[in-house]
Amino acid sequence: PEFEWLCDDKLKCYTSFPGITPKSFLINNHNDLSRALKFIETEKVVLKPRFGSYGNGVIIINKKDLRNGITKNTILQEFIDSSEGLSGMGIKQTHDLRVVVINGRVDHCYARLPKKNSLISNVTRGASKIYFNPPEIHSKIRLLLKKIDKSVSDFYPRIYSADFMMDNNKNCWLVEMNSKPGTLYYNDKPKIREMYYSNVVKSLKNSV
């Protein structure tokens, strides 16, 4: 349950990994929004539910276009501009990189590329996927992943995904974590899917 809380509560995730996550604030009303905006330097901002998945409720918007209507338990986050791509991995557009980890070992990973005229990289929102072999992961992201997994190493079994972005200054950021990474959307990669399923089952068996 504690690991679930860390991954599902976006505020908890951000406060648990300071310095490697985008600047984020919990806002419950327009007054909170006005105060928090003073600390965000990017022209665009991200609004998302504190609890949720699949990109539901995520909005990327210019500061000047914000209006009333903020609901309770909303996360306001600085915008990470990843439009120049992922250095060294052949990605040359807005992206995130999802890395699926089973007990400290990278099981598989893939970049998610938003559909045309979108900045949201969830597959359920129309993004496409490009798979990579684990050794191809950018060295900066591998370092962040090592730091993250060390901090959660007391949890076993731990099956999770971590989403990363590289900004246009070549800095890497942890965007979100998920303690229940999806098992769908692998129809075009049956070998990766079967390996993933097998490793998940093996991990659960070993924990009994």
N, C-alpha and C. Protein backbone atom coordinates (compact mmCIF):
# COMPACT_ATOMS: atom_id res chain seq x y z
N PRO A 1 0.81 -1.23 0.00
CA PRO A 1 0.00 0.00 0.00
C PRO A 1 0.84 1.28 0.00
N GLU A 2 1.99 1.27 0.68
CA GLU A 2 2.83 2.47 0.72
C GLU A 2 3.43 2.76 -0.66
N PHE A 3 3.84 1.72 -1.35
CA PHE A 3 4.37 1.90 -2.70
C PHE A 3 3.28 2.37 -3.65
N GLU A 4 2.10 1.81 -3.49
CA GLU A 4 0.96 2.24 -4.29
C GLU A 4 0.69 3.73 -4.08
N TRP A 5 0.77 4.17 -2.84
CA TRP A 5 0.54 5.57 -2.50
C TRP A 5 1.60 6.45 -3.17
N LEU A 6 2.85 6.03 -3.11
CA LEU A 6 3.93 6.81 -3.71
C LEU A 6 3.69 7.03 -5.20
N CYS A 7 3.27 5.98 -5.89
CA CYS A 7 3.11 6.07 -7.34
C CYS A 7 1.79 6.72 -7.75
N ASP A 8 0.73 6.47 -7.01
CA ASP A 8 -0.59 6.94 -7.41
C ASP A 8 -0.81 8.41 -7.06
N ASP A 9 -0.20 8.85 -5.97
CA ASP A 9 -0.35 10.24 -5.52
C ASP A 9 0.75 11.06 -6.17
N LYS A 10 0.38 11.86 -7.17
CA LYS A 10 1.39 12.61 -7.92
C LYS A 10 2.12 13.61 -7.04
N LEU A 11 1.45 14.17 -6.05
CA LEU A 11 2.12 15.10 -5.14
C LEU A 11 3.18 14.36 -4.33
N LYS A 12 2.84 13.17 -3.83
CA LYS A 12 3.79 12.36 -3.06
C LYS A 12 5.00 12.00 -3.92
N CYS A 13 4.76 11.67 -5.17
CA CYS A 13 5.87 11.32 -6.06
C CYS A 13 6.81 12.50 -6.24
N TYR A 14 6.25 13.68 -6.45
CA TYR A 14 7.09 14.85 -6.69
C TYR A 14 7.89 15.24 -5.44
N THR A 15 7.26 15.15 -4.27
CA THR A 15 7.96 15.53 -3.05
C THR A 15 8.98 14.46 -2.64
N SER A 16 8.81 13.24 -3.11
CA SER A 16 9.74 12.16 -2.77
C SER A 16 11.02 12.21 -3.59
N PHE A 17 10.95 12.88 -4.76
CA PHE A 17 12.12 12.94 -5.64
C PHE A 17 12.41 14.38 -6.05
N PRO A 18 12.73 15.23 -5.07
CA PRO A 18 13.00 16.63 -5.39
C PRO A 18 14.25 16.76 -6.27
N GLY A 19 14.19 17.73 -7.16
CA GLY A 19 15.34 17.98 -8.03
C GLY A 19 15.33 17.21 -9.33
N ILE A 20 14.57 16.10 -9.38
CA ILE A 20 14.52 15.34 -10.63
C ILE A 20 13.10 15.29 -11.19
N THR A 21 12.16 15.96 -10.52
CA THR A 21 10.79 16.06 -11.01
C THR A 21 10.48 17.52 -11.33
N PRO A 22 9.58 17.77 -12.26
CA PRO A 22 9.21 19.15 -12.57
C PRO A 22 8.62 19.85 -11.35
N LYS A 23 8.81 21.15 -11.26
CA LYS A 23 8.26 21.94 -10.16
C LYS A 23 6.74 21.79 -10.15
N SER A 24 6.18 21.42 -9.01
CA SER A 24 4.76 21.08 -8.93
C SER A 24 4.13 21.62 -7.66
N PHE A 25 2.83 21.92 -7.73
CA PHE A 25 2.10 22.47 -6.60
C PHE A 25 0.71 21.84 -6.54
N LEU A 26 0.24 21.62 -5.32
CA LEU A 26 -1.13 21.18 -5.12
C LEU A 26 -2.01 22.42 -5.03
N ILE A 27 -3.03 22.50 -5.86
CA ILE A 27 -3.96 23.63 -5.82
C ILE A 27 -5.38 23.12 -5.71
N ASN A 28 -6.19 23.85 -4.95
CA ASN A 28 -7.58 23.44 -4.72
C ASN A 28 -8.59 24.48 -5.19
N ASN A 29 -8.12 25.66 -5.56
CA ASN A 29 -9.02 26.73 -5.99
C ASN A 29 -8.21 27.76 -6.77
N HIS A 30 -8.89 28.80 -7.25
CA HIS A 30 -8.22 29.78 -8.09
C HIS A 30 -7.21 30.62 -7.29
N ASN A 31 -7.46 30.82 -6.00
CA ASN A 31 -6.48 31.56 -5.18
C ASN A 31 -5.17 30.79 -5.08
N ASP A 32 -5.28 29.47 -4.87
CA ASP A 32 -4.07 28.64 -4.86
C ASP A 32 -3.34 28.74 -6.19
N LEU A 33 -4.11 28.72 -7.27
CA LEU A 33 -3.52 28.81 -8.60
C LEU A 33 -2.74 30.10 -8.78
N SER A 34 -3.35 31.20 -8.38
CA SER A 34 -2.70 32.51 -8.56
C SER A 34 -1.39 32.58 -7.79
N ARG A 35 -1.37 32.03 -6.58
CA ARG A 35 -0.14 32.06 -5.77
C ARG A 35 0.94 31.16 -6.39
N ALA A 36 0.54 29.97 -6.83
CA ALA A 36 1.52 29.01 -7.34
C ALA A 36 2.12 29.45 -8.67
N LEU A 37 1.33 30.14 -9.48
CA LEU A 37 1.82 30.56 -10.79
C LEU A 37 3.03 31.48 -10.68
N LYS A 38 3.16 32.19 -9.56
CA LYS A 38 4.28 33.10 -9.37
C LYS A 38 5.62 32.36 -9.33
N PHE A 39 5.57 31.06 -9.03
CA PHE A 39 6.80 30.27 -8.89
C PHE A 39 7.11 29.44 -10.13
N ILE A 40 6.25 29.52 -11.14
CA ILE A 40 6.46 28.74 -12.36
C ILE A 40 6.90 29.67 -13.48
N GLU A 41 8.05 29.40 -14.08
CA GLU A 41 8.64 30.29 -15.06
C GLU A 41 8.26 29.96 -16.49
N THR A 42 7.79 28.75 -16.75
CA THR A 42 7.46 28.37 -18.12
C THR A 42 6.17 29.04 -18.58
N GLU A 43 6.09 29.35 -19.89
CA GLU A 43 4.89 29.99 -20.43
C GLU A 43 3.71 29.03 -20.43
N LYS A 44 3.99 27.77 -20.70
CA LYS A 44 2.94 26.75 -20.62
C LYS A 44 2.98 26.10 -19.24
N VAL A 45 1.85 25.61 -18.78
CA VAL A 45 1.77 24.85 -17.54
C VAL A 45 0.95 23.59 -17.78
N VAL A 46 1.11 22.65 -16.87
CA VAL A 46 0.36 21.40 -16.94
C VAL A 46 -0.57 21.33 -15.74
N LEU A 47 -1.83 21.01 -15.99
CA LEU A 47 -2.81 20.77 -14.95
C LEU A 47 -3.22 19.30 -15.04
N LYS A 48 -3.21 18.62 -13.90
CA LYS A 48 -3.60 17.21 -13.91
C LYS A 48 -4.21 16.85 -12.57
N PRO A 49 -5.09 15.84 -12.54
CA PRO A 49 -5.63 15.38 -11.25
C PRO A 49 -4.52 14.81 -10.38
N ARG A 50 -4.62 15.03 -9.08
CA ARG A 50 -3.62 14.48 -8.16
C ARG A 50 -3.60 12.96 -8.23
N PHE A 51 -4.75 12.36 -8.40
CA PHE A 51 -4.87 10.90 -8.51
C PHE A 51 -5.49 10.59 -9.87
N GLY A 52 -4.90 9.69 -10.60
CA GLY A 52 -5.47 9.34 -11.89
C GLY A 52 -4.43 8.74 -12.81
N SER A 53 -4.90 8.28 -13.97
CA SER A 53 -4.01 7.64 -14.93
C SER A 53 -4.58 7.78 -16.33
N TYR A 54 -3.86 7.22 -17.30
CA TYR A 54 -4.26 7.22 -18.72
C TYR A 54 -4.33 8.63 -19.32
N GLY A 55 -3.78 9.61 -18.65
CA GLY A 55 -3.83 10.96 -19.18
C GLY A 55 -5.17 11.63 -19.02
N ASN A 56 -6.08 10.99 -18.28
CA ASN A 56 -7.41 11.57 -18.09
C ASN A 56 -7.32 12.87 -17.29
N GLY A 57 -7.92 13.91 -17.80
CA GLY A 57 -7.95 15.18 -17.09
C GLY A 57 -6.71 16.02 -17.22
N VAL A 58 -5.72 15.56 -17.99
CA VAL A 58 -4.47 16.33 -18.15
C VAL A 58 -4.69 17.44 -19.19
N ILE A 59 -4.30 18.65 -18.82
CA ILE A 59 -4.42 19.80 -19.70
C ILE A 59 -3.08 20.52 -19.75
N ILE A 60 -2.62 20.83 -20.94
CA ILE A 60 -1.43 21.66 -21.13
C ILE A 60 -1.90 22.97 -21.77
N ILE A 61 -1.59 24.08 -21.12
CA ILE A 61 -2.21 25.34 -21.51
C ILE A 61 -1.26 26.51 -21.23
N ASN A 62 -1.38 27.56 -22.00
CA ASN A 62 -0.61 28.77 -21.74
C ASN A 62 -1.13 29.45 -20.48
N LYS A 63 -0.23 30.02 -19.70
CA LYS A 63 -0.63 30.70 -18.47
C LYS A 63 -1.72 31.73 -18.72
N LYS A 64 -1.56 32.51 -19.79
CA LYS A 64 -2.48 33.61 -20.05
C LYS A 64 -3.90 33.13 -20.38
N ASP A 65 -4.03 31.86 -20.71
CA ASP A 65 -5.34 31.32 -21.07
C ASP A 65 -6.05 30.66 -19.90
N LEU A 66 -5.42 30.62 -18.72
CA LEU A 66 -6.05 30.00 -17.56
C LEU A 66 -7.25 30.81 -17.10
N ARG A 67 -8.30 30.11 -16.73
CA ARG A 67 -9.51 30.74 -16.24
C ARG A 67 -9.94 30.09 -14.92
N ASN A 68 -11.02 30.57 -14.36
CA ASN A 68 -11.57 29.95 -13.16
C ASN A 68 -12.05 28.52 -13.46
N GLY A 69 -12.25 27.75 -12.43
CA GLY A 69 -12.75 26.40 -12.59
C GLY A 69 -11.81 25.34 -12.08
N ILE A 70 -10.82 25.73 -11.27
CA ILE A 70 -9.89 24.76 -10.68
C ILE A 70 -10.64 23.90 -9.67
N THR A 71 -10.48 22.60 -9.79
CA THR A 71 -11.13 21.69 -8.85
C THR A 71 -10.15 21.25 -7.77
N LYS A 72 -10.69 20.73 -6.67
CA LYS A 72 -9.87 20.29 -5.55
C LYS A 72 -8.94 19.16 -5.99
N ASN A 73 -7.76 19.12 -5.36
CA ASN A 73 -6.75 18.09 -5.63
C ASN A 73 -6.29 18.12 -7.09
N THR A 74 -5.93 19.30 -7.54
CA THR A 74 -5.33 19.46 -8.87
C THR A 74 -3.84 19.75 -8.70
N ILE A 75 -3.03 19.16 -9.56
CA ILE A 75 -1.60 19.43 -9.56
C ILE A 75 -1.30 20.44 -10.67
N LEU A 76 -0.62 21.51 -10.29
CA LEU A 76 -0.11 22.48 -11.25
C LEU A 76 1.38 22.22 -11.40
N GLN A 77 1.84 22.08 -12.63
CA GLN A 77 3.22 21.66 -12.87
C GLN A 77 3.85 22.51 -13.97
N GLU A 78 5.13 22.79 -13.81
CA GLU A 78 5.83 23.47 -14.89
C GLU A 78 5.88 22.57 -16.11
N PHE A 79 5.92 23.17 -17.27
CA PHE A 79 5.92 22.44 -18.54
C PHE A 79 7.34 22.09 -18.95
N ILE A 80 7.57 20.83 -19.26
CA ILE A 80 8.86 20.39 -19.76
C ILE A 80 8.79 20.34 -21.28
N ASP A 81 9.56 21.20 -21.93
CA ASP A 81 9.58 21.24 -23.39
C ASP A 81 10.56 20.20 -23.90
N SER A 82 10.02 19.13 -24.45
CA SER A 82 10.87 18.03 -24.95
C SER A 82 10.86 17.97 -26.46
N SER A 83 10.54 19.09 -27.11
CA SER A 83 10.31 19.09 -28.55
C SER A 83 11.56 18.80 -29.38
N GLU A 84 12.74 18.97 -28.79
CA GLU A 84 13.97 18.68 -29.55
C GLU A 84 14.35 17.20 -29.49
N GLY A 85 13.57 16.42 -28.76
CA GLY A 85 13.75 14.98 -28.80
C GLY A 85 14.63 14.42 -27.70
N LEU A 86 14.96 13.15 -27.87
CA LEU A 86 15.71 12.39 -26.88
C LEU A 86 17.09 12.09 -27.44
N SER A 87 18.08 12.83 -26.96
CA SER A 87 19.44 12.77 -27.50
C SER A 87 19.98 11.34 -27.47
N GLY A 88 20.54 10.93 -28.61
CA GLY A 88 21.20 9.64 -28.68
C GLY A 88 20.29 8.45 -28.87
N MET A 89 18.97 8.69 -28.91
CA MET A 89 18.03 7.58 -29.07
C MET A 89 17.18 7.73 -30.33
N GLY A 90 17.52 8.70 -31.16
CA GLY A 90 16.84 8.83 -32.44
C GLY A 90 15.47 9.46 -32.38
N ILE A 91 15.07 9.96 -31.21
CA ILE A 91 13.77 10.63 -31.08
C ILE A 91 13.99 12.12 -31.30
N LYS A 92 13.27 12.70 -32.23
CA LYS A 92 13.48 14.10 -32.60
C LYS A 92 12.20 14.91 -32.49
N GLN A 93 11.39 14.60 -31.51
CA GLN A 93 10.14 15.33 -31.31
C GLN A 93 9.72 15.21 -29.85
N THR A 94 8.63 15.88 -29.52
CA THR A 94 8.06 15.79 -28.16
C THR A 94 7.84 14.32 -27.81
N HIS A 95 8.14 13.96 -26.56
CA HIS A 95 8.16 12.55 -26.20
C HIS A 95 8.06 12.39 -24.68
N ASP A 96 7.86 11.16 -24.27
CA ASP A 96 8.37 10.70 -22.98
C ASP A 96 8.87 9.28 -23.16
N LEU A 97 9.68 8.83 -22.24
CA LEU A 97 10.24 7.48 -22.30
C LEU A 97 9.74 6.71 -21.10
N ARG A 98 8.98 5.66 -21.36
CA ARG A 98 8.47 4.81 -20.27
C ARG A 98 9.40 3.62 -20.09
N VAL A 99 9.87 3.45 -18.85
CA VAL A 99 10.73 2.33 -18.50
C VAL A 99 9.99 1.46 -17.50
N VAL A 100 9.81 0.20 -17.83
CA VAL A 100 9.12 -0.75 -16.95
C VAL A 100 10.16 -1.55 -16.18
N VAL A 101 10.03 -1.54 -14.85
CA VAL A 101 11.04 -2.11 -13.97
C VAL A 101 10.43 -3.22 -13.12
N ILE A 102 11.11 -4.34 -13.02
CA ILE A 102 10.67 -5.43 -12.14
C ILE A 102 11.81 -5.74 -11.18
N ASN A 103 11.61 -5.40 -9.92
CA ASN A 103 12.60 -5.65 -8.87
C ASN A 103 13.99 -5.14 -9.24
N GLY A 104 14.04 -3.90 -9.71
CA GLY A 104 15.31 -3.26 -9.99
C GLY A 104 15.89 -3.52 -11.35
N ARG A 105 15.28 -4.38 -12.12
CA ARG A 105 15.78 -4.72 -13.45
C ARG A 105 14.84 -4.14 -14.50
N VAL A 106 15.42 -3.48 -15.50
CA VAL A 106 14.59 -2.95 -16.59
C VAL A 106 14.06 -4.11 -17.42
N ASP A 107 12.75 -4.22 -17.48
CA ASP A 107 12.12 -5.29 -18.26
C ASP A 107 12.05 -4.90 -19.74
N HIS A 108 11.55 -3.70 -20.00
CA HIS A 108 11.49 -3.18 -21.36
C HIS A 108 11.21 -1.69 -21.29
N CYS A 109 11.35 -1.01 -22.42
CA CYS A 109 11.09 0.42 -22.42
C CYS A 109 10.65 0.87 -23.81
N TYR A 110 9.96 1.98 -23.84
CA TYR A 110 9.51 2.52 -25.12
C TYR A 110 9.26 4.02 -25.00
N ALA A 111 9.52 4.72 -26.09
CA ALA A 111 9.18 6.14 -26.17
C ALA A 111 7.73 6.26 -26.62
N ARG A 112 7.04 7.28 -26.07
CA ARG A 112 5.66 7.56 -26.48
C ARG A 112 5.65 8.94 -27.16
N LEU A 113 5.13 8.97 -28.37
CA LEU A 113 5.16 10.17 -29.18
C LEU A 113 3.73 10.68 -29.40
N PRO A 114 3.42 11.89 -28.95
CA PRO A 114 2.06 12.41 -29.09
C PRO A 114 1.62 12.47 -30.55
N LYS A 115 0.32 12.36 -30.77
CA LYS A 115 -0.21 12.52 -32.12
C LYS A 115 -0.06 13.98 -32.56
N LYS A 116 -0.25 14.22 -33.80
CA LYS A 116 -0.07 15.55 -34.38
C LYS A 116 -0.92 16.58 -33.64
N ASN A 117 -0.32 17.72 -33.37
CA ASN A 117 -0.98 18.86 -32.69
C ASN A 117 -1.33 18.56 -31.24
N SER A 118 -0.67 17.59 -30.63
CA SER A 118 -0.89 17.26 -29.23
C SER A 118 0.45 17.25 -28.49
N LEU A 119 0.40 17.51 -27.20
CA LEU A 119 1.60 17.43 -26.37
C LEU A 119 1.48 16.32 -25.32
N ILE A 120 0.40 15.56 -25.36
CA ILE A 120 0.13 14.53 -24.35
C ILE A 120 0.50 13.17 -24.93
N SER A 121 1.34 12.44 -24.19
CA SER A 121 1.97 11.24 -24.76
C SER A 121 1.33 9.93 -24.33
N ASN A 122 0.16 9.96 -23.73
CA ASN A 122 -0.50 8.71 -23.37
C ASN A 122 -1.04 8.01 -24.62
N VAL A 123 -0.86 6.69 -24.68
CA VAL A 123 -1.35 5.92 -25.82
C VAL A 123 -2.86 6.04 -25.93
N THR A 124 -3.55 6.12 -24.78
CA THR A 124 -5.00 6.27 -24.79
C THR A 124 -5.44 7.60 -25.36
N ARG A 125 -4.49 8.52 -25.50
CA ARG A 125 -4.80 9.84 -26.09
C ARG A 125 -4.24 9.94 -27.52
N GLY A 126 -3.93 8.78 -28.10
CA GLY A 126 -3.52 8.75 -29.50
C GLY A 126 -2.03 8.72 -29.77
N ALA A 127 -1.19 8.60 -28.74
CA ALA A 127 0.26 8.58 -28.95
C ALA A 127 0.70 7.25 -29.56
N SER A 128 1.83 7.28 -30.24
CA SER A 128 2.43 6.06 -30.79
C SER A 128 3.62 5.64 -29.94
N LYS A 129 4.11 4.42 -30.16
CA LYS A 129 5.19 3.88 -29.34
C LYS A 129 6.35 3.42 -30.21
N ILE A 130 7.56 3.66 -29.70
CA ILE A 130 8.77 3.11 -30.32
C ILE A 130 9.54 2.38 -29.23
N TYR A 131 9.80 1.10 -29.43
CA TYR A 131 10.47 0.28 -28.42
C TYR A 131 11.98 0.38 -28.56
N PHE A 132 12.65 0.25 -27.40
CA PHE A 132 14.11 0.27 -27.36
C PHE A 132 14.59 -0.90 -26.51
N ASN A 133 15.78 -1.38 -26.82
CA ASN A 133 16.42 -2.34 -25.94
C ASN A 133 16.94 -1.60 -24.71
N PRO A 134 16.86 -2.20 -23.52
CA PRO A 134 17.30 -1.50 -22.30
C PRO A 134 18.67 -0.86 -22.38
N PRO A 135 19.70 -1.50 -23.02
CA PRO A 135 21.01 -0.83 -23.08
C PRO A 135 21.01 0.47 -23.87
N GLU A 136 19.97 0.71 -24.67
CA GLU A 136 19.91 1.92 -25.47
C GLU A 136 19.41 3.13 -24.69
N ILE A 137 18.92 2.92 -23.46
CA ILE A 137 18.41 4.02 -22.65
C ILE A 137 19.51 5.04 -22.41
N HIS A 138 19.18 6.30 -22.55
CA HIS A 138 20.17 7.37 -22.37
C HIS A 138 20.81 7.27 -20.99
N SER A 139 22.10 7.54 -20.93
CA SER A 139 22.86 7.36 -19.68
C SER A 139 22.30 8.24 -18.55
N LYS A 140 21.83 9.45 -18.87
CA LYS A 140 21.28 10.32 -17.83
C LYS A 140 20.02 9.72 -17.22
N ILE A 141 19.21 9.09 -18.07
CA ILE A 141 17.99 8.45 -17.57
C ILE A 141 18.33 7.21 -16.75
N ARG A 142 19.34 6.46 -17.17
CA ARG A 142 19.77 5.30 -16.39
C ARG A 142 20.22 5.71 -14.99
N LEU A 143 20.92 6.83 -14.89
CA LEU A 143 21.36 7.32 -13.58
C LEU A 143 20.17 7.70 -12.71
N LEU A 144 19.18 8.38 -13.28
CA LEU A 144 17.98 8.73 -12.52
C LEU A 144 17.25 7.47 -12.08
N LEU A 145 17.14 6.52 -12.98
CA LEU A 145 16.43 5.29 -12.67
C LEU A 145 17.11 4.53 -11.53
N LYS A 146 18.43 4.51 -11.53
CA LYS A 146 19.18 3.85 -10.46
C LYS A 146 18.89 4.52 -9.12
N LYS A 147 18.85 5.85 -9.12
CA LYS A 147 18.56 6.60 -7.90
C LYS A 147 17.15 6.32 -7.41
N ILE A 148 16.20 6.28 -8.33
CA ILE A 148 14.80 6.03 -7.97
C ILE A 148 14.64 4.64 -7.39
N ASP A 149 15.19 3.64 -8.08
CA ASP A 149 15.00 2.26 -7.62
C ASP A 149 15.67 2.02 -6.28
N LYS A 150 16.80 2.66 -6.04
CA LYS A 150 17.47 2.51 -4.73
C LYS A 150 16.56 3.01 -3.61
N SER A 151 15.81 4.09 -3.87
CA SER A 151 14.96 4.66 -2.84
C SER A 151 13.73 3.80 -2.54
N VAL A 152 13.38 2.90 -3.47
CA VAL A 152 12.20 2.05 -3.25
C VAL A 152 12.59 0.58 -3.10
N SER A 153 13.87 0.32 -2.86
CA SER A 153 14.36 -1.06 -2.85
C SER A 153 13.82 -1.89 -1.70
N ASP A 154 13.25 -1.25 -0.68
CA ASP A 154 12.66 -2.01 0.43
C ASP A 154 11.35 -2.69 0.04
N PHE A 155 10.76 -2.28 -1.07
CA PHE A 155 9.49 -2.87 -1.50
C PHE A 155 9.76 -4.07 -2.39
N TYR A 156 9.11 -5.19 -2.06
CA TYR A 156 9.30 -6.40 -2.86
C TYR A 156 8.05 -7.26 -2.77
N PRO A 157 7.56 -7.73 -3.91
CA PRO A 157 8.04 -7.40 -5.25
C PRO A 157 7.64 -5.97 -5.63
N ARG A 158 8.42 -5.35 -6.48
CA ARG A 158 8.09 -4.02 -6.98
C ARG A 158 8.08 -4.05 -8.51
N ILE A 159 6.94 -3.82 -9.04
CA ILE A 159 6.72 -3.79 -10.48
C ILE A 159 6.16 -2.41 -10.78
N TYR A 160 6.89 -1.63 -11.54
CA TYR A 160 6.44 -0.26 -11.77
C TYR A 160 6.99 0.28 -13.08
N SER A 161 6.41 1.36 -13.51
CA SER A 161 6.97 2.09 -14.65
C SER A 161 7.34 3.49 -14.20
N ALA A 162 8.32 4.05 -14.87
CA ALA A 162 8.75 5.43 -14.63
C ALA A 162 8.83 6.13 -15.97
N ASP A 163 8.23 7.31 -16.05
CA ASP A 163 8.19 8.07 -17.29
C ASP A 163 9.17 9.24 -17.20
N PHE A 164 9.99 9.37 -18.23
CA PHE A 164 11.02 10.41 -18.25
C PHE A 164 10.88 11.29 -19.49
N MET A 165 11.36 12.52 -19.36
CA MET A 165 11.48 13.43 -20.49
C MET A 165 12.87 14.05 -20.48
N MET A 166 13.36 14.37 -21.68
CA MET A 166 14.59 15.16 -21.80
C MET A 166 14.19 16.53 -22.34
N ASP A 167 14.54 17.59 -21.61
CA ASP A 167 14.17 18.93 -22.08
C ASP A 167 15.17 19.42 -23.12
N ASN A 168 14.94 20.61 -23.63
CA ASN A 168 15.77 21.12 -24.73
C ASN A 168 17.16 21.56 -24.28
N ASN A 169 17.41 21.51 -22.96
CA ASN A 169 18.75 21.76 -22.43
C ASN A 169 19.46 20.45 -22.07
N LYS A 170 18.88 19.33 -22.50
CA LYS A 170 19.44 17.99 -22.27
C LYS A 170 19.37 17.57 -20.80
N ASN A 171 18.48 18.18 -20.04
CA ASN A 171 18.23 17.73 -18.67
C ASN A 171 17.12 16.68 -18.70
N CYS A 172 17.24 15.66 -17.86
CA CYS A 172 16.24 14.59 -17.81
C CYS A 172 15.40 14.73 -16.55
N TRP A 173 14.11 14.42 -16.69
CA TRP A 173 13.16 14.60 -15.60
C TRP A 173 12.28 13.37 -15.43
N LEU A 174 12.01 13.03 -14.18
CA LEU A 174 11.01 12.02 -13.87
C LEU A 174 9.65 12.71 -13.89
N VAL A 175 8.77 12.26 -14.74
CA VAL A 175 7.46 12.90 -14.89
C VAL A 175 6.41 12.21 -14.00
N GLU A 176 6.36 10.89 -14.06
CA GLU A 176 5.39 10.14 -13.26
C GLU A 176 5.89 8.73 -13.02
N MET A 177 5.28 8.06 -12.03
CA MET A 177 5.49 6.64 -11.81
C MET A 177 4.14 5.95 -11.76
N ASN A 178 4.15 4.66 -12.01
CA ASN A 178 2.91 3.89 -12.00
C ASN A 178 3.21 2.52 -11.39
N SER A 179 2.52 2.18 -10.32
CA SER A 179 2.75 0.89 -9.66
C SER A 179 1.98 -0.25 -10.33
N LYS A 180 1.16 0.10 -11.32
CA LYS A 180 0.42 -0.93 -12.07
C LYS A 180 0.55 -0.64 -13.57
N PRO A 181 1.77 -0.79 -14.09
CA PRO A 181 1.95 -0.50 -15.53
C PRO A 181 1.06 -1.38 -16.38
N GLY A 182 0.47 -0.78 -17.39
CA GLY A 182 -0.51 -1.48 -18.22
C GLY A 182 0.08 -2.68 -18.94
N THR A 183 -0.79 -3.63 -19.22
CA THR A 183 -0.37 -4.83 -19.95
C THR A 183 -1.05 -4.89 -21.32
N LEU A 184 -1.75 -3.82 -21.71
CA LEU A 184 -2.36 -3.76 -23.03
C LEU A 184 -1.41 -3.05 -24.00
N TYR A 185 -1.88 -2.85 -25.22
CA TYR A 185 -1.13 -2.09 -26.24
C TYR A 185 0.20 -2.74 -26.60
N TYR A 186 0.25 -4.08 -26.58
CA TYR A 186 1.44 -4.80 -27.00
C TYR A 186 1.15 -5.70 -28.20
N ASN A 187 0.05 -5.45 -28.88
CA ASN A 187 -0.36 -6.35 -29.96
C ASN A 187 0.68 -6.42 -31.08
N ASP A 188 1.41 -5.33 -31.29
CA ASP A 188 2.40 -5.32 -32.36
C ASP A 188 3.76 -5.85 -31.90
N LYS A 189 3.87 -6.18 -30.61
CA LYS A 189 5.12 -6.69 -30.06
C LYS A 189 4.84 -7.90 -29.17
N PRO A 190 4.39 -9.01 -29.77
CA PRO A 190 4.00 -10.17 -28.96
C PRO A 190 5.14 -10.77 -28.14
N LYS A 191 6.38 -10.73 -28.65
CA LYS A 191 7.49 -11.30 -27.90
C LYS A 191 7.77 -10.49 -26.63
N ILE A 192 7.73 -9.16 -26.75
CA ILE A 192 7.93 -8.32 -25.57
C ILE A 192 6.79 -8.53 -24.58
N ARG A 193 5.56 -8.64 -25.09
CA ARG A 193 4.41 -8.86 -24.22
C ARG A 193 4.54 -10.16 -23.45
N GLU A 194 4.89 -11.24 -24.14
CA GLU A 194 4.99 -12.54 -23.47
C GLU A 194 6.13 -12.55 -22.45
N MET A 195 7.25 -11.93 -22.79
CA MET A 195 8.36 -11.83 -21.85
C MET A 195 7.94 -11.05 -20.61
N TYR A 196 7.23 -9.95 -20.82
CA TYR A 196 6.75 -9.11 -19.73
C TYR A 196 5.82 -9.90 -18.82
N TYR A 197 4.83 -10.56 -19.41
CA TYR A 197 3.90 -11.38 -18.61
C TYR A 197 4.65 -12.43 -17.81
N SER A 198 5.58 -13.11 -18.47
CA SER A 198 6.34 -14.17 -17.80
C SER A 198 7.15 -13.63 -16.63
N ASN A 199 7.79 -12.49 -16.82
CA ASN A 199 8.61 -11.91 -15.75
C ASN A 199 7.77 -11.41 -14.59
N VAL A 200 6.58 -10.88 -14.88
CA VAL A 200 5.68 -10.46 -13.80
C VAL A 200 5.26 -11.66 -12.96
N VAL A 201 4.85 -12.75 -13.63
CA VAL A 201 4.41 -13.95 -12.91
C VAL A 201 5.56 -14.54 -12.10
N LYS A 202 6.74 -14.58 -12.70
CA LYS A 202 7.90 -15.10 -12.00
C LYS A 202 8.21 -14.29 -10.74
N SER A 203 8.12 -12.98 -10.87
CA SER A 203 8.37 -12.11 -9.72
C SER A 203 7.38 -12.36 -8.60
N LEU A 204 6.11 -12.52 -8.96
CA LEU A 204 5.09 -12.77 -7.94
C LEU A 204 5.28 -14.14 -7.28
N LYS A 205 5.63 -15.13 -8.07
CA LYS A 205 5.88 -16.47 -7.51
C LYS A 205 7.05 -16.44 -6.52
N ASN A 206 8.10 -15.70 -6.87
CA ASN A 206 9.29 -15.64 -6.02
C ASN A 206 9.04 -14.92 -4.71
N SER A 207 7.99 -14.13 -4.66
CA SER A 207 7.70 -13.35 -3.45
C SER A 207 6.87 -14.14 -2.45
N VAL A 208 6.34 -15.29 -2.86
CA VAL A 208 5.47 -16.08 -1.97
C VAL A 208 6.32 -16.89 -0.99
